Protein backbone atom coordinates (compact mmCIF):
# COMPACT_ATOMS: atom_id res chain seq x y z
CA UNK A 1 -45.83 9.85 -14.66
CA UNK A 2 -44.16 11.63 -17.58
CA UNK A 3 -44.48 14.96 -15.78
CA UNK A 4 -42.87 13.51 -12.64
CA UNK A 5 -39.96 12.08 -14.65
CA UNK A 6 -39.48 15.40 -16.40
CA UNK A 7 -39.48 17.19 -13.04
CA UNK A 8 -36.88 14.80 -11.60
CA UNK A 9 -34.61 15.21 -14.64
CA UNK A 10 -34.94 18.99 -14.41
CA UNK A 11 -34.01 18.97 -10.72
CA UNK A 12 -30.97 16.77 -11.42
CA UNK A 13 -29.82 19.07 -14.24
CA UNK A 14 -30.29 22.17 -12.09
CA UNK A 15 -28.30 20.65 -9.23
CA UNK A 16 -25.58 19.51 -11.63
CA UNK A 17 -25.24 22.95 -13.19
CA UNK A 18 -25.34 24.58 -9.77
CA UNK A 19 -22.61 22.24 -8.55
CA UNK A 20 -20.45 23.01 -11.58
CA UNK A 21 -20.89 26.75 -11.10
CA UNK A 22 -20.11 26.53 -7.37
CA UNK A 23 -17.13 24.28 -8.02
CA UNK A 24 -15.83 26.56 -10.75
CA UNK A 25 -16.12 29.60 -8.52
CA UNK A 26 -14.32 27.81 -5.67
CA UNK A 27 -11.56 26.80 -8.08
CA UNK A 28 -11.20 30.36 -9.37
CA UNK A 29 -11.16 31.91 -5.90
CA UNK A 30 -8.62 29.33 -4.77
CA UNK A 31 -6.42 30.13 -7.76
CA UNK A 32 -6.61 33.84 -6.94
CA UNK A 33 -5.55 33.12 -3.35
CA UNK A 34 -2.63 31.07 -4.70
CA UNK A 35 -1.59 33.95 -6.98
CA UNK A 36 -1.70 36.39 -4.07
CA UNK A 37 0.55 34.35 -1.78
CA UNK A 38 3.02 33.60 -4.58
CA UNK A 39 3.13 37.29 -5.52
CA UNK A 40 3.83 38.13 -1.89
CA UNK A 41 6.78 35.72 -1.75
CA UNK A 42 7.76 33.65 -4.81
CA UNK A 43 8.21 29.93 -4.31
CA UNK A 44 11.96 30.03 -4.95
CA UNK A 45 12.42 32.73 -2.31
CA UNK A 46 10.33 30.77 0.17
CA UNK A 47 12.38 27.62 -0.39
CA UNK A 48 15.68 29.46 -0.06
CA UNK A 49 14.43 31.02 3.16
CA UNK A 50 13.75 27.58 4.61
CA UNK A 51 17.09 26.20 3.47
CA UNK A 52 18.98 29.11 5.01
CA UNK A 53 17.56 28.55 8.50
CA UNK A 54 19.93 27.43 11.26
CA UNK A 55 20.14 23.64 11.61
CA UNK A 56 18.47 22.94 8.27
CA UNK A 57 18.73 19.16 7.91
CA UNK A 58 19.39 17.51 4.55
CA UNK A 59 18.01 14.09 3.69
CA UNK A 60 21.43 12.46 3.81
CA UNK A 61 21.69 13.59 7.44
CA UNK A 62 18.59 11.61 8.39
CA UNK A 63 18.31 7.91 9.22
CA UNK A 64 16.71 5.80 6.48
CA UNK A 65 14.28 4.45 9.06
CA UNK A 66 13.01 7.94 9.81
CA UNK A 67 12.54 8.82 6.13
CA UNK A 68 10.78 5.53 5.42
CA UNK A 69 8.57 5.97 8.47
CA UNK A 70 7.46 9.47 7.45
CA UNK A 71 6.47 8.38 3.95
CA UNK A 72 4.81 5.19 5.19
CA UNK A 73 2.53 6.89 7.68
CA UNK A 74 1.94 10.28 6.02
CA UNK A 75 1.79 9.56 2.29
CA UNK A 76 2.42 5.99 1.17
CA UNK A 77 1.99 6.88 -2.52
CA UNK A 78 4.31 9.89 -2.26
CA UNK A 79 6.75 8.66 -4.90
CA UNK A 80 3.95 7.74 -7.32
CA UNK A 81 1.59 10.73 -7.38
CA UNK A 82 2.09 14.20 -8.84
CA UNK A 83 1.34 16.14 -5.69
CA UNK A 84 -2.14 14.89 -4.94
CA UNK A 85 -3.04 11.39 -3.80
CA UNK A 86 -6.40 11.00 -5.54
CA UNK A 87 -7.32 7.88 -3.58
CA UNK A 88 -6.80 9.62 -0.24
CA UNK A 89 -8.47 12.78 -1.55
CA UNK A 90 -11.65 11.00 -2.68
CA UNK A 91 -11.79 9.14 0.64
CA UNK A 92 -11.46 12.45 2.49
CA UNK A 93 -14.18 14.07 0.33
CA UNK A 94 -16.54 11.19 1.13
CA UNK A 95 -15.86 11.53 4.86
CA UNK A 96 -16.23 15.32 4.74
CA UNK A 97 -19.57 15.07 2.95
CA UNK A 98 -20.73 12.50 5.46
CA UNK A 99 -19.64 14.66 8.40
CA UNK A 100 -20.84 17.85 6.64
CA UNK A 101 -17.58 19.61 7.51
CA UNK A 102 -13.88 19.60 6.62
CA UNK A 103 -13.03 16.89 9.13
CA UNK A 104 -10.63 14.79 7.07
CA UNK A 105 -7.62 16.23 5.25
CA UNK A 106 -6.34 13.54 2.92
CA UNK A 107 -3.34 15.77 2.21
CA UNK A 108 -0.18 14.45 0.60
CA UNK A 109 3.27 15.37 1.90
CA UNK A 110 3.48 17.94 -0.92
CA UNK A 111 0.17 19.51 0.09
CA UNK A 112 1.23 19.62 3.72
CA UNK A 113 4.45 21.36 2.71
CA UNK A 114 2.45 23.88 0.67
CA UNK A 115 0.26 24.57 3.69
CA UNK A 116 3.24 24.96 6.03
CA UNK A 117 4.93 27.35 3.61
CA UNK A 118 2.05 29.70 2.84
CA UNK A 119 -1.14 29.04 4.77
CA UNK A 120 -2.60 28.66 8.24
CA UNK A 121 -3.62 25.36 9.80
CA UNK A 122 -7.29 26.39 9.70
CA UNK A 123 -9.43 23.93 7.76
CA UNK A 124 -11.18 25.84 4.95
CA UNK A 125 -12.14 24.63 1.49
CA UNK A 126 -10.80 27.76 -0.23
CA UNK A 127 -7.41 27.39 1.43
CA UNK A 128 -7.32 23.71 0.42
CA UNK A 129 -7.84 24.69 -3.22
CA UNK A 130 -5.08 27.32 -3.10
CA UNK A 131 -2.85 24.74 -1.44
CA UNK A 132 -3.32 22.44 -4.45
CA UNK A 133 -1.91 25.03 -6.84
CA UNK A 134 1.15 25.52 -4.65
CA UNK A 135 1.56 21.73 -4.47
CA UNK A 136 1.52 21.50 -8.27
CA UNK A 137 4.26 24.14 -8.49
CA UNK A 138 6.35 22.32 -5.91
CA UNK A 139 6.11 19.07 -7.87
CA UNK A 140 6.92 20.91 -11.10
CA UNK A 141 10.03 22.62 -9.78
CA UNK A 142 11.46 20.27 -7.16
CA UNK A 143 12.28 16.58 -6.91
CA UNK A 144 10.55 14.25 -4.47
CA UNK A 145 13.69 14.17 -2.37
CA UNK A 146 13.79 17.96 -2.19
CA UNK A 147 10.11 18.10 -1.24
CA UNK A 148 10.53 15.52 1.52
CA UNK A 149 13.59 17.38 2.80
CA UNK A 150 11.72 20.69 2.93
CA UNK A 151 8.79 18.96 4.60
CA UNK A 152 10.75 17.59 7.57
CA UNK A 153 12.28 21.04 8.05
CA UNK A 154 8.89 22.79 8.27
CA UNK A 155 6.58 20.45 10.19
CA UNK A 156 5.60 20.90 13.82
CA UNK A 157 6.52 18.24 16.37
CA UNK A 158 4.88 19.78 19.42
CA UNK A 159 6.59 21.33 22.46
CA UNK A 160 7.76 24.30 20.35
CA UNK A 161 9.81 22.20 17.89
CA UNK A 162 9.22 23.29 14.29
CA UNK A 163 11.72 21.12 12.44
CA UNK A 164 13.26 17.67 12.68
CA UNK A 165 16.54 19.00 14.09
CA UNK A 166 14.88 20.82 16.98
CA UNK A 167 12.65 17.82 17.71
CA UNK A 168 15.56 15.36 17.78
CA UNK A 169 17.54 17.68 20.03
CA UNK A 170 14.61 18.53 22.27
CA UNK A 171 13.19 15.06 22.75
CA UNK A 172 16.31 12.88 22.53
CA UNK A 173 19.26 15.29 22.95
CA UNK A 174 20.68 13.97 19.68
CA UNK A 175 21.49 15.11 16.18
CA UNK A 176 18.80 13.81 13.78
CA UNK A 177 21.29 11.42 12.19
CA UNK A 178 22.01 9.85 15.57
CA UNK A 179 18.43 8.71 16.17
CA UNK A 180 18.00 4.96 16.45
CA UNK A 181 15.13 3.05 14.85
CA UNK A 182 12.92 3.37 17.91
CA UNK A 183 13.39 7.14 18.13
CA UNK A 184 12.97 7.55 14.38
CA UNK A 185 9.61 5.79 14.27
CA UNK A 186 8.45 7.54 17.43
CA UNK A 187 9.28 10.98 16.02
CA UNK A 188 7.68 10.22 12.64
CA UNK A 189 4.27 9.78 14.26
CA UNK A 190 4.10 13.04 16.18
CA UNK A 191 3.26 15.61 13.42
CA UNK A 192 -0.11 13.95 12.76
CA UNK A 193 -1.39 15.58 15.96
CA UNK A 194 1.43 17.38 17.81
CA UNK A 195 -0.70 18.56 20.72
CA UNK A 196 -1.76 14.96 21.33
CA UNK A 197 1.46 13.05 20.63
CA UNK A 198 4.12 15.45 21.95
CA UNK A 199 6.40 13.40 24.18
CA UNK A 200 6.22 16.02 26.91
CA UNK A 201 2.43 15.66 27.08
CA UNK A 202 1.19 12.09 26.71
CA UNK A 203 4.07 9.73 25.88
CA UNK A 204 1.74 6.75 26.08
CA UNK A 205 -0.32 8.18 23.21
CA UNK A 206 2.86 8.81 21.24
CA UNK A 207 3.75 5.15 21.75
CA UNK A 208 0.35 4.11 20.39
CA UNK A 209 0.89 6.30 17.35
CA UNK A 210 4.36 4.82 16.92
CA UNK A 211 2.84 1.35 16.74
CA UNK A 212 0.63 2.60 13.89
CA UNK A 213 3.72 3.97 12.13
CA UNK A 214 5.54 0.65 12.43
CA UNK A 215 2.47 -1.27 11.24
CA UNK A 216 2.29 0.95 8.15
CA UNK A 217 5.94 0.23 7.45
CA UNK A 218 5.33 -3.51 7.69
CA UNK A 219 2.28 -3.26 5.39
CA UNK A 220 4.37 -1.41 2.81
CA UNK A 221 7.22 -3.90 3.17
CA UNK A 222 9.86 -1.44 4.31
CA UNK A 223 10.09 -3.43 7.55
CA UNK A 224 9.67 -7.11 8.30
CA UNK A 225 7.51 -8.17 11.22
CA UNK A 226 10.65 -9.25 13.07
CA UNK A 227 12.25 -5.83 12.55
CA UNK A 228 9.07 -4.13 13.74
CA UNK A 229 9.01 -6.18 16.93
CA UNK A 230 12.68 -5.40 17.53
CA UNK A 231 12.08 -1.66 17.15
CA UNK A 232 9.14 -1.63 19.54
CA UNK A 233 11.15 -3.80 21.92
CA UNK A 234 13.89 -1.16 21.98
CA UNK A 235 11.40 1.23 23.52
CA UNK A 236 10.39 -1.19 26.23
CA UNK A 237 14.06 -1.72 27.08
CA UNK A 238 14.66 2.04 27.20
CA UNK A 239 11.78 2.47 29.64
CA UNK A 240 13.14 -0.33 31.84
CA UNK A 241 16.63 1.22 31.79
CA UNK A 242 15.23 4.56 32.90
CA UNK A 243 13.22 3.15 35.79
């Protein structure tokens, strides 16, 4: 019995050390990738490049409903964490281990911005680690408002629209600031899966996603249930008017 116990302890120690070594190597390689992309184009240059694009939209040009919807559905602890939502990250790690692949992202708005700025959309552990280092630098050098503003100017909304201005113009023929509550919550749900929720593809799926967005807003008390029902009702009225 003593030999068996000793063997089990030895196996546990070996696996623990092996895990630490593998984790340390992944961290180091991710840091090197981060250094390479930053050396290629410093963060400040990247940010200025985004801000200088035509139709760059500032936060004060966006409806409050849209901003609240984005945070509610994409990163509800955005204003509380330092770039990484540990709760969402641990949940994603658990799901990934269960699925034995990188199936769940768990990325914060800051991490998504880091990915959009420097990396591909391909799901790889090494890229995720490098993304974390960029996210830390974003949080260190920019306010939450600046990060959110950069985010909505770099995310993909499907149908060839790569920023909130283009999406508002393309889908609604409006300036972003002219979007009503229905349009704001509808647009906020699309970046989760642009190929699925693009309004030119499957508008009924976009409407389902919008309901999720509105439910998140109610749960986080940025909307009342009555306001949520009114917003969703606006869409039904729009459909009736167009028939």
